[in-house]
Amino acid sequence: MKVIKCIFLGLIVIILAAAGASFLLPGTAVVSRTIMIDAPADKIFPYVNSMQETEKWSPWLSRDPETSLSYAGPDAGVGNTLSWSSDHKQVGSGTQTITESIENQQVTTALDFGDMGTASASFTLEPEGDQTRVTWGFASDLGANPVMRWMGLMMDKWVGADYERGLQNLKTVVEGQG
């Protein structure tokens, strides 16, 4: 019985230490990837300023071609909204709405993953000669939840490769158009 008490107390100490240590971890999960595309910003902008156009290069839709998609608001720009639903765990369900759109420069979106939380994403377009540097960013406030803070450490690993694949898809689509 004494051994069980020691094990139980040890587990409690470990759990409390992990929870306490979580407050030393970053409160925001951030992911960012960049690619150079051989096209001017005005050729790229339509593909990031419309949720409908993201279907052409999304890194997630190929995982589940049966993903249910619906759109609301204008066809592009602020208010353009995508809602998706999939049983595939790497696609999931949620909504994404464009909240800011600066022509040929930047698009910012609000993401809502339901019980999984909220985040923001952005696309920044920076002309460099005949090319454009495209940066796709993601940020999520992890709050005071110790589990979310530990999970935040893995966000770059979980999402980074998808962002790289999506940017490569975007590059292929844009450069293939002309």
Protein backbone atom coordinates (compact mmCIF):
# COMPACT_ATOMS: atom_id res chain seq x y z
CA MET A 1 0.00 0.00 0.00
CA LYS A 2 2.88 2.35 0.78
CA VAL A 3 4.33 1.80 -2.73
CA ILE A 4 1.00 2.72 -4.34
CA LYS A 5 0.85 5.95 -2.29
CA CYS A 6 4.40 6.83 -3.37
CA ILE A 7 3.60 6.18 -7.02
CA PHE A 8 0.39 8.20 -6.77
CA LEU A 9 2.14 11.13 -5.07
CA GLY A 10 4.94 10.94 -7.64
CA LEU A 11 2.42 11.16 -10.47
CA ILE A 12 0.72 14.15 -8.87
CA VAL A 13 4.07 15.93 -8.50
CA ILE A 14 4.92 15.24 -12.16
CA ILE A 15 1.51 16.49 -13.36
CA LEU A 16 1.75 19.65 -11.25
CA ALA A 17 5.32 20.29 -12.43
CA ALA A 18 4.29 19.86 -16.10
CA ALA A 19 1.31 22.18 -15.60
CA GLY A 20 3.48 24.78 -13.87
CA ALA A 21 6.19 24.54 -16.50
CA SER A 22 3.61 25.11 -19.25
CA PHE A 23 3.36 28.75 -18.16
CA LEU A 24 6.99 29.20 -19.11
CA LEU A 25 6.16 28.08 -22.67
CA PRO A 26 5.08 30.49 -25.44
CA GLY A 27 1.45 31.63 -25.25
CA THR A 28 1.15 31.73 -29.04
CA ALA A 29 1.80 29.03 -31.63
CA VAL A 30 3.32 30.49 -34.80
CA VAL A 31 4.04 28.81 -38.14
CA SER A 32 5.44 30.56 -41.20
CA ARG A 33 6.71 29.40 -44.58
CA THR A 34 7.96 31.35 -47.60
CA ILE A 35 8.42 30.60 -51.30
CA MET A 36 9.53 32.59 -54.34
CA ILE A 37 7.06 32.50 -57.24
CA ASP A 38 8.06 33.53 -60.76
CA ALA A 39 5.12 35.89 -61.25
CA PRO A 40 4.09 39.39 -60.24
CA ALA A 41 1.93 39.81 -57.14
CA ASP A 42 -1.18 40.64 -59.19
CA LYS A 43 -1.09 37.12 -60.71
CA ILE A 44 -0.84 35.48 -57.27
CA PHE A 45 -3.24 37.66 -55.29
CA PRO A 46 -6.50 36.22 -56.71
CA TYR A 47 -5.50 32.74 -55.49
CA VAL A 48 -5.10 33.88 -51.87
CA ASN A 49 -7.88 36.49 -51.83
CA SER A 50 -10.67 33.99 -52.55
CA MET A 51 -11.53 30.89 -50.57
CA GLN A 52 -12.96 29.38 -53.78
CA GLU A 53 -9.58 29.77 -55.51
CA THR A 54 -7.76 27.99 -52.67
CA GLU A 55 -9.37 24.76 -53.86
CA LYS A 56 -6.88 24.81 -56.75
CA TRP A 57 -3.83 24.58 -54.46
CA SER A 58 -4.95 23.57 -50.95
CA PRO A 59 -2.63 21.01 -49.32
CA TRP A 60 -5.53 19.46 -47.39
CA LEU A 61 -8.21 18.74 -49.99
CA SER A 62 -6.12 15.99 -51.61
CA ARG A 63 -6.24 14.12 -48.27
CA ASP A 64 -10.00 13.86 -48.46
CA PRO A 65 -11.57 14.57 -51.86
CA GLU A 66 -14.97 14.03 -50.18
CA THR A 67 -14.53 17.11 -47.96
CA SER A 68 -17.76 19.10 -47.90
CA LEU A 69 -17.16 22.75 -48.83
CA SER A 70 -19.53 25.71 -48.70
CA TYR A 71 -18.98 29.41 -49.27
CA ALA A 72 -20.62 32.58 -48.02
CA GLY A 73 -20.20 36.29 -48.55
CA PRO A 74 -18.56 37.88 -51.58
CA ASP A 75 -16.56 35.77 -54.05
CA ALA A 76 -13.30 37.41 -52.89
CA GLY A 77 -11.94 39.84 -50.34
CA VAL A 78 -13.18 40.76 -46.88
CA GLY A 79 -16.12 38.60 -45.81
CA ASN A 80 -15.39 35.74 -48.23
CA THR A 81 -15.93 32.64 -46.06
CA LEU A 82 -15.22 28.95 -46.47
CA SER A 83 -16.78 26.29 -44.26
CA TRP A 84 -15.49 22.73 -44.55
CA SER A 85 -16.30 19.39 -42.99
CA SER A 86 -14.40 16.13 -43.23
CA ASP A 87 -14.19 12.92 -41.23
CA HIS A 88 -10.45 12.79 -41.99
CA LYS A 89 -8.63 13.77 -38.78
CA GLN A 90 -6.02 15.84 -40.66
CA VAL A 91 -8.71 17.87 -42.43
CA GLY A 92 -11.42 18.19 -39.78
CA SER A 93 -14.09 20.88 -39.81
CA GLY A 94 -14.15 24.63 -39.46
CA THR A 95 -14.56 28.01 -41.08
CA GLN A 96 -12.13 30.53 -42.54
CA THR A 97 -13.10 34.13 -43.27
CA ILE A 98 -11.05 36.84 -44.95
CA THR A 99 -10.84 39.73 -42.47
CA GLU A 100 -8.36 41.98 -44.28
CA SER A 101 -7.39 42.31 -47.92
CA ILE A 102 -4.81 44.74 -49.26
CA GLU A 103 -4.67 44.31 -53.03
CA ASN A 104 -1.53 42.52 -54.24
CA GLN A 105 0.07 42.82 -50.78
CA GLN A 106 -1.66 40.94 -47.98
CA VAL A 107 -4.65 38.81 -47.02
CA THR A 108 -5.51 37.98 -43.40
CA THR A 109 -8.06 35.37 -42.35
CA ALA A 110 -9.77 34.25 -39.17
CA LEU A 111 -9.92 30.50 -38.61
CA ASP A 112 -12.41 28.76 -36.34
CA PHE A 113 -11.82 25.07 -35.69
CA GLY A 114 -14.75 24.71 -33.27
CA ASP A 115 -13.67 22.88 -30.11
CA MET A 116 -10.06 22.93 -31.37
CA GLY A 117 -9.89 26.72 -31.05
CA THR A 118 -9.30 29.73 -33.25
CA ALA A 119 -6.35 31.17 -35.11
CA SER A 120 -5.41 33.66 -37.77
CA ALA A 121 -3.58 33.09 -41.03
CA SER A 122 -2.03 35.51 -43.47
CA PHE A 123 -0.48 35.73 -46.90
CA THR A 124 2.07 38.44 -47.57
CA LEU A 125 3.20 39.18 -51.13
CA GLU A 126 6.50 41.03 -51.59
CA PRO A 127 7.72 41.79 -55.12
CA GLU A 128 11.40 41.08 -55.75
CA GLY A 129 12.32 41.84 -59.34
CA ASP A 130 10.33 39.55 -61.64
CA GLN A 131 9.39 37.29 -58.73
CA THR A 132 7.20 37.56 -55.65
CA ARG A 133 8.08 36.34 -52.17
CA VAL A 134 4.95 34.73 -50.73
CA THR A 135 4.82 34.14 -46.98
CA TRP A 136 2.02 32.06 -45.46
CA GLY A 137 1.73 32.59 -41.72
CA PHE A 138 -0.37 31.14 -38.91
CA ALA A 139 -0.80 32.25 -35.30
CA SER A 140 -2.96 30.86 -32.53
CA ASP A 141 -3.36 32.17 -28.99
CA LEU A 142 -2.95 29.16 -26.70
CA GLY A 143 -4.41 30.86 -23.65
CA ALA A 144 -3.70 29.55 -20.17
CA ASN A 145 -4.51 25.92 -20.97
CA PRO A 146 -1.39 23.88 -20.03
CA VAL A 147 -2.18 21.11 -22.54
CA MET A 148 -2.57 23.63 -25.40
CA ARG A 149 0.73 25.26 -24.48
CA TRP A 150 2.55 21.91 -24.71
CA MET A 151 0.74 21.15 -27.97
CA GLY A 152 1.80 24.57 -29.28
CA LEU A 153 5.39 23.33 -29.29
CA MET A 154 4.41 20.80 -31.96
CA MET A 155 2.41 23.16 -34.21
CA ASP A 156 5.29 23.90 -36.59
CA LYS A 157 5.93 20.18 -37.03
CA TRP A 158 2.23 19.44 -37.55
CA VAL A 159 1.43 22.31 -39.94
CA GLY A 160 4.75 23.37 -41.47
CA ALA A 161 4.96 20.59 -44.06
CA ASP A 162 1.38 21.30 -45.15
CA TYR A 163 2.23 24.99 -45.63
CA GLU A 164 5.29 24.04 -47.68
CA ARG A 165 3.21 21.70 -49.86
CA GLY A 166 0.47 24.32 -50.24
CA LEU A 167 2.93 27.01 -51.29
CA GLN A 168 4.51 24.63 -53.79
CA ASN A 169 1.02 23.86 -55.16
CA LEU A 170 0.31 27.60 -55.39
CA LYS A 171 3.60 28.14 -57.23
CA THR A 172 2.74 25.36 -59.71
CA VAL A 173 -0.74 26.78 -60.36
CA VAL A 174 0.41 30.38 -60.78
CA GLU A 175 3.48 29.64 -62.88
CA GLY A 176 1.47 27.21 -65.02
CA GLN A 177 -1.01 29.87 -66.04
CA GLY A 178 1.28 31.83 -68.20
